[in-house]
N, C-alpha and C. Protein backbone atom coordinates (compact mmCIF):
# COMPACT_ATOMS: atom_id res chain seq x y z
N UNK A 1 178.02 148.97 121.34
CA UNK A 1 179.15 149.72 120.86
C UNK A 1 180.39 149.31 121.66
N UNK A 2 181.47 149.07 120.97
CA UNK A 2 182.70 148.63 121.63
C UNK A 2 183.47 149.82 122.20
N UNK A 3 184.36 149.56 123.15
CA UNK A 3 185.17 150.66 123.69
C UNK A 3 185.96 151.40 122.59
N UNK A 4 186.44 150.65 121.61
CA UNK A 4 187.19 151.28 120.51
C UNK A 4 186.29 152.21 119.71
N UNK A 5 185.12 151.76 119.36
CA UNK A 5 184.22 152.61 118.57
C UNK A 5 183.76 153.83 119.37
N UNK A 6 183.55 153.66 120.66
CA UNK A 6 183.17 154.80 121.50
C UNK A 6 184.30 155.83 121.56
N UNK A 7 185.52 155.34 121.69
CA UNK A 7 186.66 156.24 121.80
C UNK A 7 186.89 157.03 120.51
N UNK A 8 186.83 156.36 119.38
CA UNK A 8 187.06 157.10 118.13
C UNK A 8 185.89 158.04 117.82
N UNK A 9 184.70 157.68 118.29
CA UNK A 9 183.56 158.59 118.12
C UNK A 9 183.79 159.86 118.94
N UNK A 10 184.26 159.70 120.17
CA UNK A 10 184.55 160.85 121.03
C UNK A 10 185.65 161.73 120.43
N UNK A 11 186.56 161.12 119.70
CA UNK A 11 187.67 161.86 119.10
C UNK A 11 187.24 162.60 117.84
N UNK A 12 186.04 162.36 117.36
CA UNK A 12 185.53 163.07 116.19
C UNK A 12 186.00 162.51 114.87
N UNK A 13 186.15 161.21 114.80
CA UNK A 13 186.67 160.58 113.58
C UNK A 13 185.77 160.83 112.37
N UNK A 14 184.48 161.05 112.60
CA UNK A 14 183.56 161.27 111.48
C UNK A 14 183.85 162.58 110.75
N UNK A 15 184.61 163.46 111.37
CA UNK A 15 184.95 164.73 110.74
C UNK A 15 186.04 164.58 109.68
N UNK A 16 186.69 163.43 109.66
CA UNK A 16 187.73 163.17 108.67
C UNK A 16 187.05 162.73 107.38
N UNK A 17 187.24 163.46 106.28
CA UNK A 17 186.54 163.14 105.03
C UNK A 17 186.74 161.70 104.55
N UNK A 18 187.95 161.17 104.64
CA UNK A 18 188.20 159.81 104.18
C UNK A 18 187.34 158.81 104.93
N UNK A 19 187.25 158.98 106.24
CA UNK A 19 186.46 158.06 107.06
C UNK A 19 184.98 158.18 106.71
N UNK A 20 184.52 159.39 106.49
CA UNK A 20 183.12 159.60 106.14
C UNK A 20 182.79 158.98 104.79
N UNK A 21 183.73 159.02 103.86
CA UNK A 21 183.50 158.48 102.52
C UNK A 21 183.61 156.96 102.45
N UNK A 22 184.31 156.36 103.40
CA UNK A 22 184.56 154.91 103.37
C UNK A 22 183.99 154.25 104.63
N UNK A 23 182.70 154.34 104.78
CA UNK A 23 182.03 153.81 105.98
C UNK A 23 182.21 152.30 106.12
N UNK A 24 182.18 151.57 105.01
CA UNK A 24 182.34 150.12 105.07
C UNK A 24 183.74 149.75 105.56
N UNK A 25 184.74 150.48 105.11
CA UNK A 25 186.11 150.21 105.56
C UNK A 25 186.25 150.50 107.06
N UNK A 26 185.63 151.58 107.52
CA UNK A 26 185.68 151.91 108.95
C UNK A 26 185.00 150.82 109.77
N UNK A 27 183.87 150.36 109.30
CA UNK A 27 183.13 149.31 110.01
C UNK A 27 183.96 148.02 110.07
N UNK A 28 184.58 147.67 108.95
CA UNK A 28 185.41 146.47 108.90
C UNK A 28 186.63 146.61 109.82
N UNK A 29 187.25 147.78 109.81
CA UNK A 29 188.42 148.03 110.66
C UNK A 29 188.04 147.91 112.13
N UNK A 30 186.90 148.51 112.50
CA UNK A 30 186.45 148.43 113.90
C UNK A 30 186.19 146.99 114.31
N UNK A 31 185.56 146.23 113.43
CA UNK A 31 185.25 144.83 113.74
C UNK A 31 186.52 144.02 113.94
N UNK A 32 187.53 144.28 113.12
CA UNK A 32 188.78 143.53 113.20
C UNK A 32 189.66 143.97 114.37
N UNK A 33 189.66 145.25 114.69
CA UNK A 33 190.57 145.78 115.70
C UNK A 33 190.00 145.84 117.11
N UNK A 34 188.70 145.82 117.25
CA UNK A 34 188.08 145.95 118.58
C UNK A 34 188.52 144.87 119.57
N UNK A 35 188.59 143.59 119.16
CA UNK A 35 189.04 142.58 120.13
C UNK A 35 190.47 142.80 120.62
N UNK A 36 191.36 143.18 119.71
CA UNK A 36 192.74 143.45 120.09
C UNK A 36 192.81 144.65 121.03
N UNK A 37 192.09 145.71 120.71
CA UNK A 37 192.07 146.90 121.55
C UNK A 37 191.56 146.56 122.95
N UNK A 38 190.53 145.75 123.04
CA UNK A 38 189.98 145.36 124.34
C UNK A 38 191.01 144.58 125.16
N UNK A 39 191.72 143.65 124.51
CA UNK A 39 192.75 142.87 125.22
C UNK A 39 193.89 143.77 125.70
N UNK A 40 194.31 144.69 124.87
CA UNK A 40 195.39 145.60 125.26
C UNK A 40 194.96 146.44 126.46
N UNK A 41 193.75 146.95 126.43
CA UNK A 41 193.25 147.76 127.55
C UNK A 41 193.14 146.93 128.83
N UNK A 42 192.76 145.67 128.71
CA UNK A 42 192.68 144.79 129.88
C UNK A 42 194.06 144.51 130.46
N UNK A 43 195.05 144.35 129.58
CA UNK A 43 196.40 144.03 130.04
C UNK A 43 197.17 145.24 130.54
N UNK A 44 196.75 146.42 130.16
CA UNK A 44 197.42 147.66 130.58
C UNK A 44 196.39 148.64 131.13
N UNK A 45 195.73 148.31 132.23
CA UNK A 45 194.65 149.16 132.74
C UNK A 45 195.11 150.52 133.25
N UNK A 46 196.38 150.65 133.59
CA UNK A 46 196.88 151.93 134.10
C UNK A 46 197.16 152.94 132.99
N UNK A 47 197.18 152.47 131.75
CA UNK A 47 197.48 153.34 130.62
C UNK A 47 196.18 153.88 130.03
N UNK A 48 196.17 155.17 129.75
CA UNK A 48 195.00 155.80 129.13
C UNK A 48 194.70 155.11 127.80
N UNK A 49 193.47 154.66 127.58
CA UNK A 49 193.13 153.96 126.34
C UNK A 49 193.47 154.73 125.06
N UNK A 50 193.44 156.04 125.12
CA UNK A 50 193.78 156.84 123.94
C UNK A 50 195.21 156.54 123.49
N UNK A 51 196.10 156.29 124.43
CA UNK A 51 197.49 156.01 124.08
C UNK A 51 197.64 154.67 123.36
N UNK A 52 196.70 153.78 123.53
CA UNK A 52 196.76 152.49 122.84
C UNK A 52 196.38 152.61 121.37
N UNK A 53 195.85 153.73 120.97
CA UNK A 53 195.48 153.91 119.57
C UNK A 53 196.68 154.13 118.67
N UNK A 54 197.81 154.49 119.24
CA UNK A 54 199.00 154.77 118.43
C UNK A 54 199.52 153.55 117.73
């Protein structure tokens, strides 16, 4: 599990009906965005990762 997927799981993203109904889109989004999220977190370690979701 990637840091991005762990973070959105902790935030309760599955409770959002759209996300629950479009599991393939969520999976595709996570696959595409996880590398960028990881790089951003590495480059800005002092910033809370939740703030990088904006």
